[in-house]
Amino acid sequence: MGDWALRQQFHTVVTCRDIGESVAFYELLGFEILSDHRDVEWPDSLAELLGLKRAKGRGVLMGLPSDPGGPMLDLVEWVEPKAVFSNPGEEVQGGMRRTIAFHTRGVQAAFEALSAKGVRFTCSPKPQPEAGVIAVAFCYDPSGNFVELIELDPGLLHPRVRALS
C-alpha cells in the first residue's frame, strides 16, 4: 500500500435519538464513559470535514473495560442536522438497520438479563452450529439500531460463513 496503511479500528459513530438514553443502554451492556462532550461547543471546522453546512451535536465516547485498546463507541445526538429515526420493528429506509456486533460470552444469559431490564430483542437467541455460532441474538438500542450479540465456538475468531451457503 505504499506510504500508508490502516492500523486498527478506532471508533464507530452511533447516531442517537437521545444521548442520555443511549449512554444508559450501552452502560447496561458494560461500556464506560471515556470522554463526555454533551456540553461542548463543536468547532465549525467539523462541518467542513463532514461535508455539511452545519454540524453540531452532543457526544459521549465509550469503551469496554475488558478491551481497553479496542475500538470505542462515539455516541452522537445530532442537534444540527437532526437525524431521522425509525422505531424498532418498523421498516427502515434502505431495508436494513445499522448493526453493531459484539463478540459476547454467555449470549443466553445476556438475553435473559437484558430482557428483564426491558431491552427489546427481535427473538430469543438462536444457535448456528454449522457456522460455529453457539448463539446469536439481536436487540434494539434506544435509537432503533440493531445490536448483535454473538457467541462463537471456543477458538473461532469469526463464524464459518461458507458453511451457511
N, C-alpha and C. Protein backbone atom coordinates (compact mmCIF):
# COMPACT_ATOMS: atom_id res chain seq x y z
N MET A 1 0.82 -1.19 0.00
CA MET A 1 0.00 0.00 0.00
C MET A 1 0.86 1.26 0.00
N GLY A 2 2.13 1.06 -0.14
CA GLY A 2 2.98 2.25 -0.23
C GLY A 2 3.23 2.92 1.09
N ASP A 3 2.96 4.22 1.15
CA ASP A 3 3.30 5.02 2.31
C ASP A 3 2.22 5.07 3.39
N TRP A 4 1.14 4.31 3.24
CA TRP A 4 0.09 4.36 4.26
C TRP A 4 -0.51 2.97 4.48
N ALA A 5 -1.13 2.80 5.63
CA ALA A 5 -1.82 1.55 5.96
C ALA A 5 -2.74 1.79 7.15
N LEU A 6 -3.91 1.16 7.14
CA LEU A 6 -4.78 1.21 8.32
C LEU A 6 -4.12 0.40 9.43
N ARG A 7 -4.22 0.91 10.66
CA ARG A 7 -3.60 0.22 11.79
C ARG A 7 -4.61 -0.60 12.58
N GLN A 8 -5.76 -0.03 12.89
CA GLN A 8 -6.78 -0.74 13.65
C GLN A 8 -8.06 0.09 13.60
N GLN A 9 -9.18 -0.54 13.95
CA GLN A 9 -10.42 0.21 14.03
C GLN A 9 -10.34 1.10 15.27
N PHE A 10 -10.70 2.38 15.12
CA PHE A 10 -10.56 3.35 16.19
C PHE A 10 -11.87 3.54 16.95
N HIS A 11 -12.91 4.01 16.26
CA HIS A 11 -14.22 4.14 16.90
C HIS A 11 -15.31 4.07 15.85
N THR A 12 -16.51 3.80 16.31
CA THR A 12 -17.69 3.77 15.46
C THR A 12 -18.65 4.83 15.99
N VAL A 13 -19.12 5.68 15.11
CA VAL A 13 -20.10 6.70 15.50
C VAL A 13 -21.48 6.06 15.46
N VAL A 14 -22.20 6.16 16.57
CA VAL A 14 -23.56 5.66 16.67
C VAL A 14 -24.47 6.87 16.85
N THR A 15 -25.30 7.13 15.85
CA THR A 15 -26.22 8.26 15.91
C THR A 15 -27.37 7.93 16.85
N CYS A 16 -27.62 8.82 17.80
CA CYS A 16 -28.59 8.57 18.87
C CYS A 16 -29.77 9.53 18.81
N ARG A 17 -30.93 9.02 19.15
CA ARG A 17 -32.13 9.85 19.26
C ARG A 17 -32.04 10.70 20.53
N ASP A 18 -31.58 10.08 21.63
CA ASP A 18 -31.45 10.76 22.93
C ASP A 18 -30.15 10.27 23.56
N ILE A 19 -29.20 11.17 23.74
CA ILE A 19 -27.86 10.78 24.21
C ILE A 19 -27.91 10.14 25.60
N GLY A 20 -28.75 10.64 26.48
CA GLY A 20 -28.84 10.09 27.83
C GLY A 20 -29.34 8.65 27.84
N GLU A 21 -30.40 8.37 27.05
CA GLU A 21 -30.92 7.01 26.95
C GLU A 21 -29.87 6.07 26.37
N SER A 22 -29.17 6.55 25.36
CA SER A 22 -28.17 5.70 24.70
C SER A 22 -26.99 5.41 25.62
N VAL A 23 -26.53 6.41 26.35
CA VAL A 23 -25.44 6.18 27.30
C VAL A 23 -25.87 5.14 28.33
N ALA A 24 -27.07 5.27 28.86
CA ALA A 24 -27.57 4.31 29.87
C ALA A 24 -27.64 2.90 29.27
N PHE A 25 -28.10 2.77 28.02
CA PHE A 25 -28.19 1.46 27.37
C PHE A 25 -26.81 0.82 27.22
N TYR A 26 -25.84 1.58 26.70
CA TYR A 26 -24.52 0.99 26.47
C TYR A 26 -23.78 0.75 27.79
N GLU A 27 -24.10 1.50 28.83
CA GLU A 27 -23.56 1.18 30.16
C GLU A 27 -24.13 -0.15 30.63
N LEU A 28 -25.40 -0.42 30.33
CA LEU A 28 -26.04 -1.69 30.67
C LEU A 28 -25.32 -2.85 30.00
N LEU A 29 -24.77 -2.61 28.80
CA LEU A 29 -24.01 -3.64 28.09
C LEU A 29 -22.58 -3.78 28.63
N GLY A 30 -22.15 -2.85 29.47
CA GLY A 30 -20.81 -2.95 30.06
C GLY A 30 -19.84 -1.87 29.63
N PHE A 31 -20.26 -0.93 28.78
CA PHE A 31 -19.39 0.17 28.37
C PHE A 31 -19.26 1.19 29.49
N GLU A 32 -18.15 1.90 29.47
CA GLU A 32 -17.91 3.01 30.41
C GLU A 32 -17.63 4.29 29.62
N ILE A 33 -17.98 5.41 30.21
CA ILE A 33 -17.72 6.71 29.59
C ILE A 33 -16.22 7.00 29.67
N LEU A 34 -15.63 7.29 28.51
CA LEU A 34 -14.23 7.68 28.45
C LEU A 34 -14.09 9.20 28.35
N SER A 35 -15.02 9.81 27.64
CA SER A 35 -14.97 11.26 27.42
C SER A 35 -16.40 11.74 27.15
N ASP A 36 -16.82 12.75 27.89
CA ASP A 36 -18.19 13.25 27.80
C ASP A 36 -18.19 14.64 27.18
N HIS A 37 -18.79 14.75 25.98
CA HIS A 37 -18.83 16.03 25.26
C HIS A 37 -20.26 16.49 25.02
N ARG A 38 -21.13 16.20 25.98
CA ARG A 38 -22.52 16.60 25.81
C ARG A 38 -22.69 18.11 25.85
N ASP A 39 -21.80 18.81 26.55
CA ASP A 39 -21.93 20.27 26.69
C ASP A 39 -20.79 21.02 26.03
N VAL A 40 -20.15 20.42 25.03
CA VAL A 40 -19.03 21.05 24.33
C VAL A 40 -19.55 21.69 23.05
N GLU A 41 -19.14 22.92 22.77
CA GLU A 41 -19.48 23.59 21.51
C GLU A 41 -18.56 23.05 20.42
N TRP A 42 -19.12 22.41 19.42
CA TRP A 42 -18.32 21.81 18.36
C TRP A 42 -17.81 22.88 17.40
N PRO A 43 -16.57 22.77 16.95
CA PRO A 43 -16.00 23.79 16.06
C PRO A 43 -16.64 23.74 14.67
N ASP A 44 -16.72 24.89 14.01
CA ASP A 44 -17.29 24.96 12.66
C ASP A 44 -16.50 24.10 11.67
N SER A 45 -15.22 23.88 11.95
CA SER A 45 -14.40 23.09 11.04
C SER A 45 -14.89 21.65 10.91
N LEU A 46 -15.64 21.16 11.91
CA LEU A 46 -16.16 19.79 11.84
C LEU A 46 -17.15 19.66 10.69
N ALA A 47 -17.99 20.69 10.49
CA ALA A 47 -18.95 20.64 9.39
C ALA A 47 -18.22 20.50 8.06
N GLU A 48 -17.14 21.23 7.89
CA GLU A 48 -16.37 21.14 6.65
C GLU A 48 -15.80 19.73 6.47
N LEU A 49 -15.25 19.16 7.54
CA LEU A 49 -14.72 17.80 7.47
C LEU A 49 -15.78 16.79 7.06
N LEU A 50 -17.02 17.00 7.53
CA LEU A 50 -18.11 16.08 7.23
C LEU A 50 -18.83 16.41 5.92
N GLY A 51 -18.42 17.52 5.28
CA GLY A 51 -19.06 17.92 4.04
C GLY A 51 -20.46 18.47 4.24
N LEU A 52 -20.69 19.12 5.38
CA LEU A 52 -22.01 19.67 5.72
C LEU A 52 -21.92 21.18 5.91
N LYS A 53 -23.09 21.83 5.86
CA LYS A 53 -23.14 23.28 6.14
C LYS A 53 -22.97 23.55 7.63
N ARG A 54 -23.61 22.71 8.45
CA ARG A 54 -23.50 22.84 9.91
C ARG A 54 -23.40 21.44 10.49
N ALA A 55 -22.67 21.31 11.58
CA ALA A 55 -22.56 20.03 12.28
C ALA A 55 -22.41 20.32 13.77
N LYS A 56 -23.49 20.18 14.48
CA LYS A 56 -23.48 20.39 15.92
C LYS A 56 -24.13 19.19 16.59
N GLY A 57 -23.58 18.79 17.70
CA GLY A 57 -24.14 17.63 18.39
C GLY A 57 -23.69 17.55 19.82
N ARG A 58 -24.16 16.51 20.45
CA ARG A 58 -23.78 16.17 21.82
C ARG A 58 -23.20 14.78 21.77
N GLY A 59 -22.00 14.58 22.31
CA GLY A 59 -21.35 13.29 22.16
C GLY A 59 -20.78 12.73 23.43
N VAL A 60 -20.67 11.40 23.45
CA VAL A 60 -20.04 10.67 24.54
C VAL A 60 -19.24 9.53 23.93
N LEU A 61 -17.96 9.48 24.26
CA LEU A 61 -17.08 8.41 23.81
C LEU A 61 -17.06 7.32 24.88
N MET A 62 -17.32 6.07 24.48
CA MET A 62 -17.41 4.98 25.44
C MET A 62 -16.51 3.83 25.03
N GLY A 63 -16.03 3.07 26.02
CA GLY A 63 -15.19 1.92 25.76
C GLY A 63 -15.53 0.77 26.67
N LEU A 64 -15.08 -0.41 26.27
CA LEU A 64 -15.27 -1.60 27.10
C LEU A 64 -14.05 -1.79 28.00
N PRO A 65 -14.22 -1.85 29.31
CA PRO A 65 -13.09 -2.08 30.21
C PRO A 65 -12.35 -3.39 29.89
N SER A 66 -13.08 -4.38 29.35
CA SER A 66 -12.46 -5.66 29.01
C SER A 66 -11.61 -5.58 27.74
N ASP A 67 -11.69 -4.45 27.01
CA ASP A 67 -10.95 -4.28 25.76
C ASP A 67 -10.42 -2.85 25.68
N PRO A 68 -9.51 -2.48 26.61
CA PRO A 68 -9.08 -1.07 26.70
C PRO A 68 -8.40 -0.53 25.45
N GLY A 69 -7.78 -1.35 24.65
CA GLY A 69 -7.15 -0.88 23.42
C GLY A 69 -8.05 -1.06 22.21
N GLY A 70 -9.24 -1.57 22.43
CA GLY A 70 -10.14 -1.88 21.32
C GLY A 70 -10.90 -0.67 20.83
N PRO A 71 -11.71 -0.88 19.80
CA PRO A 71 -12.47 0.24 19.24
C PRO A 71 -13.47 0.78 20.25
N MET A 72 -13.76 2.05 20.12
CA MET A 72 -14.68 2.74 21.02
C MET A 72 -15.97 3.04 20.30
N LEU A 73 -17.01 3.34 21.06
CA LEU A 73 -18.27 3.84 20.52
C LEU A 73 -18.30 5.34 20.75
N ASP A 74 -18.62 6.08 19.72
CA ASP A 74 -18.77 7.53 19.81
C ASP A 74 -20.25 7.81 19.62
N LEU A 75 -20.98 7.91 20.72
CA LEU A 75 -22.42 8.16 20.67
C LEU A 75 -22.64 9.64 20.38
N VAL A 76 -23.44 9.94 19.38
CA VAL A 76 -23.69 11.34 19.00
C VAL A 76 -25.18 11.56 18.80
N GLU A 77 -25.71 12.54 19.51
CA GLU A 77 -27.05 13.05 19.27
C GLU A 77 -26.89 14.31 18.43
N TRP A 78 -27.25 14.22 17.16
CA TRP A 78 -27.07 15.35 16.26
C TRP A 78 -28.12 16.42 16.54
N VAL A 79 -27.64 17.62 16.85
CA VAL A 79 -28.52 18.77 17.07
C VAL A 79 -28.80 19.44 15.73
N GLU A 80 -27.75 19.52 14.90
CA GLU A 80 -27.89 20.09 13.56
C GLU A 80 -26.85 19.45 12.64
N PRO A 81 -27.25 18.78 11.59
CA PRO A 81 -28.63 18.49 11.20
C PRO A 81 -29.23 17.40 12.08
N LYS A 82 -30.54 17.45 12.27
CA LYS A 82 -31.24 16.45 13.07
C LYS A 82 -31.26 15.13 12.31
N ALA A 83 -31.04 14.05 13.03
CA ALA A 83 -31.08 12.72 12.43
C ALA A 83 -32.53 12.23 12.40
N VAL A 84 -32.84 11.36 11.46
CA VAL A 84 -34.17 10.77 11.32
C VAL A 84 -34.07 9.32 11.79
N PHE A 85 -35.05 8.89 12.57
CA PHE A 85 -35.03 7.54 13.16
C PHE A 85 -36.31 6.80 12.84
N SER A 86 -36.21 5.48 12.76
CA SER A 86 -37.39 4.62 12.68
C SER A 86 -37.52 3.93 14.03
N ASN A 87 -38.70 3.45 14.30
CA ASN A 87 -38.93 2.76 15.57
C ASN A 87 -38.62 1.27 15.43
N PRO A 88 -38.21 0.62 16.54
CA PRO A 88 -37.95 -0.82 16.48
C PRO A 88 -39.15 -1.55 15.88
N GLY A 89 -38.87 -2.49 14.99
CA GLY A 89 -39.92 -3.27 14.36
C GLY A 89 -40.47 -2.66 13.08
N GLU A 90 -40.24 -1.36 12.85
CA GLU A 90 -40.69 -0.70 11.62
C GLU A 90 -39.72 -0.99 10.49
N GLU A 91 -40.23 -0.94 9.28
CA GLU A 91 -39.35 -0.99 8.11
C GLU A 91 -38.47 0.26 8.14
N VAL A 92 -37.25 0.11 7.68
CA VAL A 92 -36.35 1.26 7.63
C VAL A 92 -36.03 1.59 6.18
N GLN A 93 -35.76 2.86 5.94
CA GLN A 93 -35.39 3.28 4.60
C GLN A 93 -34.09 2.56 4.23
N GLY A 94 -34.05 1.96 3.06
CA GLY A 94 -32.87 1.20 2.65
C GLY A 94 -32.98 -0.26 3.01
N GLY A 95 -33.99 -0.63 3.81
CA GLY A 95 -34.28 -2.03 4.05
C GLY A 95 -33.59 -2.69 5.23
N MET A 96 -32.55 -2.11 5.80
CA MET A 96 -31.85 -2.77 6.90
C MET A 96 -31.36 -1.75 7.91
N ARG A 97 -31.44 -2.10 9.17
CA ARG A 97 -30.96 -1.23 10.24
C ARG A 97 -29.45 -1.26 10.33
N ARG A 98 -28.87 -0.18 10.85
CA ARG A 98 -27.44 -0.20 11.18
C ARG A 98 -27.25 -1.24 12.28
N THR A 99 -26.15 -1.95 12.21
CA THR A 99 -25.90 -3.02 13.17
C THR A 99 -24.51 -2.88 13.76
N ILE A 100 -24.43 -3.03 15.07
CA ILE A 100 -23.16 -3.09 15.78
C ILE A 100 -23.11 -4.48 16.40
N ALA A 101 -22.05 -5.24 16.13
CA ALA A 101 -21.96 -6.61 16.62
C ALA A 101 -20.88 -6.71 17.70
N PHE A 102 -21.18 -7.46 18.74
CA PHE A 102 -20.24 -7.67 19.84
C PHE A 102 -20.03 -9.15 20.09
N HIS A 103 -18.75 -9.56 20.06
CA HIS A 103 -18.39 -10.91 20.46
C HIS A 103 -18.74 -10.99 21.94
N THR A 104 -19.56 -11.95 22.31
CA THR A 104 -20.17 -11.98 23.64
C THR A 104 -19.97 -13.34 24.29
N ARG A 105 -19.67 -13.34 25.55
CA ARG A 105 -19.65 -14.58 26.35
C ARG A 105 -21.02 -14.70 27.00
N GLY A 106 -21.70 -15.84 26.83
CA GLY A 106 -22.99 -16.06 27.50
C GLY A 106 -24.15 -15.31 26.88
N VAL A 107 -24.38 -15.50 25.58
CA VAL A 107 -25.47 -14.79 24.90
C VAL A 107 -26.82 -15.09 25.54
N GLN A 108 -27.08 -16.35 25.88
CA GLN A 108 -28.37 -16.70 26.50
C GLN A 108 -28.55 -15.96 27.83
N ALA A 109 -27.51 -15.93 28.66
CA ALA A 109 -27.60 -15.21 29.94
C ALA A 109 -27.78 -13.71 29.71
N ALA A 110 -27.09 -13.16 28.69
CA ALA A 110 -27.24 -11.74 28.36
C ALA A 110 -28.68 -11.46 27.94
N PHE A 111 -29.23 -12.33 27.10
CA PHE A 111 -30.61 -12.18 26.65
C PHE A 111 -31.57 -12.13 27.85
N GLU A 112 -31.40 -13.06 28.77
CA GLU A 112 -32.28 -13.12 29.94
C GLU A 112 -32.14 -11.88 30.82
N ALA A 113 -30.89 -11.49 31.11
CA ALA A 113 -30.66 -10.33 31.98
C ALA A 113 -31.13 -9.03 31.34
N LEU A 114 -30.83 -8.85 30.06
CA LEU A 114 -31.22 -7.60 29.39
C LEU A 114 -32.72 -7.54 29.15
N SER A 115 -33.33 -8.67 28.80
CA SER A 115 -34.79 -8.70 28.63
C SER A 115 -35.49 -8.32 29.92
N ALA A 116 -34.98 -8.81 31.05
CA ALA A 116 -35.57 -8.49 32.35
C ALA A 116 -35.48 -7.00 32.66
N LYS A 117 -34.53 -6.30 32.03
CA LYS A 117 -34.38 -4.86 32.24
C LYS A 117 -35.08 -4.04 31.16
N GLY A 118 -35.88 -4.71 30.33
CA GLY A 118 -36.68 -4.00 29.34
C GLY A 118 -36.06 -3.87 27.96
N VAL A 119 -34.90 -4.45 27.72
CA VAL A 119 -34.29 -4.38 26.39
C VAL A 119 -35.10 -5.28 25.46
N ARG A 120 -35.44 -4.74 24.29
CA ARG A 120 -36.27 -5.46 23.32
C ARG A 120 -35.40 -6.22 22.32
N PHE A 121 -35.64 -7.52 22.21
CA PHE A 121 -34.95 -8.39 21.26
C PHE A 121 -35.89 -8.74 20.12
N THR A 122 -35.32 -9.08 18.97
CA THR A 122 -36.15 -9.49 17.84
C THR A 122 -36.74 -10.87 18.07
N CYS A 123 -35.99 -11.75 18.74
CA CYS A 123 -36.43 -13.10 19.11
C CYS A 123 -35.40 -13.65 20.09
N SER A 124 -35.64 -14.85 20.60
CA SER A 124 -34.68 -15.45 21.53
C SER A 124 -33.42 -15.85 20.77
N PRO A 125 -32.30 -16.04 21.48
CA PRO A 125 -31.04 -16.41 20.82
C PRO A 125 -31.18 -17.71 20.04
N LYS A 126 -30.48 -17.76 18.91
CA LYS A 126 -30.51 -18.94 18.05
C LYS A 126 -29.09 -19.45 17.84
N PRO A 127 -28.91 -20.77 17.87
CA PRO A 127 -27.60 -21.33 17.53
C PRO A 127 -27.47 -21.47 16.01
N GLN A 128 -26.26 -21.49 15.54
CA GLN A 128 -25.95 -21.80 14.15
C GLN A 128 -24.72 -22.71 14.17
N PRO A 129 -24.91 -23.96 14.64
CA PRO A 129 -23.76 -24.85 14.85
C PRO A 129 -22.93 -25.08 13.60
N GLU A 130 -23.56 -25.09 12.42
CA GLU A 130 -22.81 -25.30 11.18
C GLU A 130 -21.83 -24.17 10.91
N ALA A 131 -22.07 -23.01 11.52
CA ALA A 131 -21.18 -21.86 11.34
C ALA A 131 -20.26 -21.66 12.54
N GLY A 132 -20.38 -22.52 13.54
CA GLY A 132 -19.57 -22.36 14.74
C GLY A 132 -20.11 -21.30 15.69
N VAL A 133 -21.39 -20.99 15.57
CA VAL A 133 -22.03 -19.98 16.41
C VAL A 133 -22.83 -20.68 17.50
N ILE A 134 -22.42 -20.49 18.75
CA ILE A 134 -23.14 -21.08 19.88
C ILE A 134 -24.51 -20.44 20.00
N ALA A 135 -24.55 -19.11 19.90
CA ALA A 135 -25.82 -18.38 19.96
C ALA A 135 -25.61 -16.98 19.40
N VAL A 136 -26.67 -16.47 18.78
CA VAL A 136 -26.67 -15.10 18.27
C VAL A 136 -28.05 -14.52 18.54
N ALA A 137 -28.07 -13.25 18.93
CA ALA A 137 -29.33 -12.56 19.20
C ALA A 137 -29.18 -11.09 18.81
N PHE A 138 -30.29 -10.51 18.39
CA PHE A 138 -30.33 -9.09 18.01
C PHE A 138 -31.31 -8.36 18.92
N CYS A 139 -30.86 -7.23 19.46
CA CYS A 139 -31.74 -6.36 20.22
C CYS A 139 -31.68 -4.97 19.62
N TYR A 140 -32.55 -4.09 20.10
CA TYR A 140 -32.58 -2.72 19.63
C TYR A 140 -31.97 -1.81 20.69
N ASP A 141 -31.13 -0.85 20.26
CA ASP A 141 -30.71 0.19 21.19
C ASP A 141 -31.82 1.24 21.24
N PRO A 142 -31.74 2.24 22.11
CA PRO A 142 -32.82 3.21 22.24
C PRO A 142 -33.13 4.00 20.96
N SER A 143 -32.20 4.02 20.01
CA SER A 143 -32.42 4.75 18.76
C SER A 143 -32.89 3.85 17.64
N GLY A 144 -33.10 2.57 17.92
CA GLY A 144 -33.59 1.64 16.92
C GLY A 144 -32.51 0.94 16.13
N ASN A 145 -31.23 1.16 16.46
CA ASN A 145 -30.15 0.43 15.81
C ASN A 145 -30.15 -1.01 16.32
N PHE A 146 -29.71 -1.95 15.47
CA PHE A 146 -29.54 -3.33 15.92
C PHE A 146 -28.23 -3.44 16.70
N VAL A 147 -28.27 -4.20 17.78
CA VAL A 147 -27.07 -4.61 18.50
C VAL A 147 -27.07 -6.13 18.45
N GLU A 148 -26.03 -6.68 17.83
CA GLU A 148 -25.90 -8.13 17.69
C GLU A 148 -24.98 -8.66 18.78
N LEU A 149 -25.45 -9.66 19.49
CA LEU A 149 -24.63 -10.37 20.47
C LEU A 149 -24.35 -11.74 19.88
N ILE A 150 -23.08 -12.07 19.69
CA ILE A 150 -22.72 -13.33 19.04
C ILE A 150 -21.67 -14.07 19.87
N GLU A 151 -21.93 -15.36 20.09
CA GLU A 151 -21.02 -16.22 20.85
C GLU A 151 -20.53 -17.33 19.94
N LEU A 152 -19.23 -17.40 19.77
CA LEU A 152 -18.62 -18.37 18.86
C LEU A 152 -18.05 -19.57 19.61
N ASP A 153 -17.90 -20.67 18.88
CA ASP A 153 -17.23 -21.84 19.45
C ASP A 153 -15.83 -21.43 19.94
N PRO A 154 -15.35 -22.04 21.01
CA PRO A 154 -14.02 -21.70 21.51
C PRO A 154 -12.95 -21.78 20.40
N GLY A 155 -12.12 -20.77 20.34
CA GLY A 155 -11.03 -20.73 19.37
C GLY A 155 -11.38 -20.08 18.04
N LEU A 156 -12.67 -19.91 17.74
CA LEU A 156 -13.04 -19.25 16.48
C LEU A 156 -12.95 -17.74 16.62
N LEU A 157 -12.43 -17.09 15.60
CA LEU A 157 -12.36 -15.63 15.57
C LEU A 157 -13.51 -15.03 14.79
N HIS A 158 -14.14 -15.84 13.93
CA HIS A 158 -15.30 -15.40 13.15
C HIS A 158 -16.10 -16.63 12.76
N PRO A 159 -17.39 -16.47 12.42
CA PRO A 159 -18.18 -17.62 12.03
C PRO A 159 -17.64 -18.27 10.76
N ARG A 160 -17.92 -19.54 10.62
CA ARG A 160 -17.56 -20.27 9.39
C ARG A 160 -18.65 -20.00 8.37
N VAL A 161 -18.57 -18.88 7.68
CA VAL A 161 -19.64 -18.41 6.80
C VAL A 161 -19.88 -19.37 5.64
N ARG A 162 -18.86 -19.96 5.11
CA ARG A 162 -19.04 -20.88 3.97
C ARG A 162 -20.01 -21.98 4.30
N ALA A 163 -20.10 -22.37 5.56
CA ALA A 163 -20.98 -23.46 5.96
C ALA A 163 -22.45 -23.05 5.88
N LEU A 164 -22.74 -21.74 5.77
CA LEU A 164 -24.13 -21.29 5.74
C LEU A 164 -24.72 -21.35 4.35
N SER A 165 -23.89 -21.47 3.32
CA SER A 165 -24.42 -21.43 1.93
C SER A 165 -25.11 -22.71 1.53
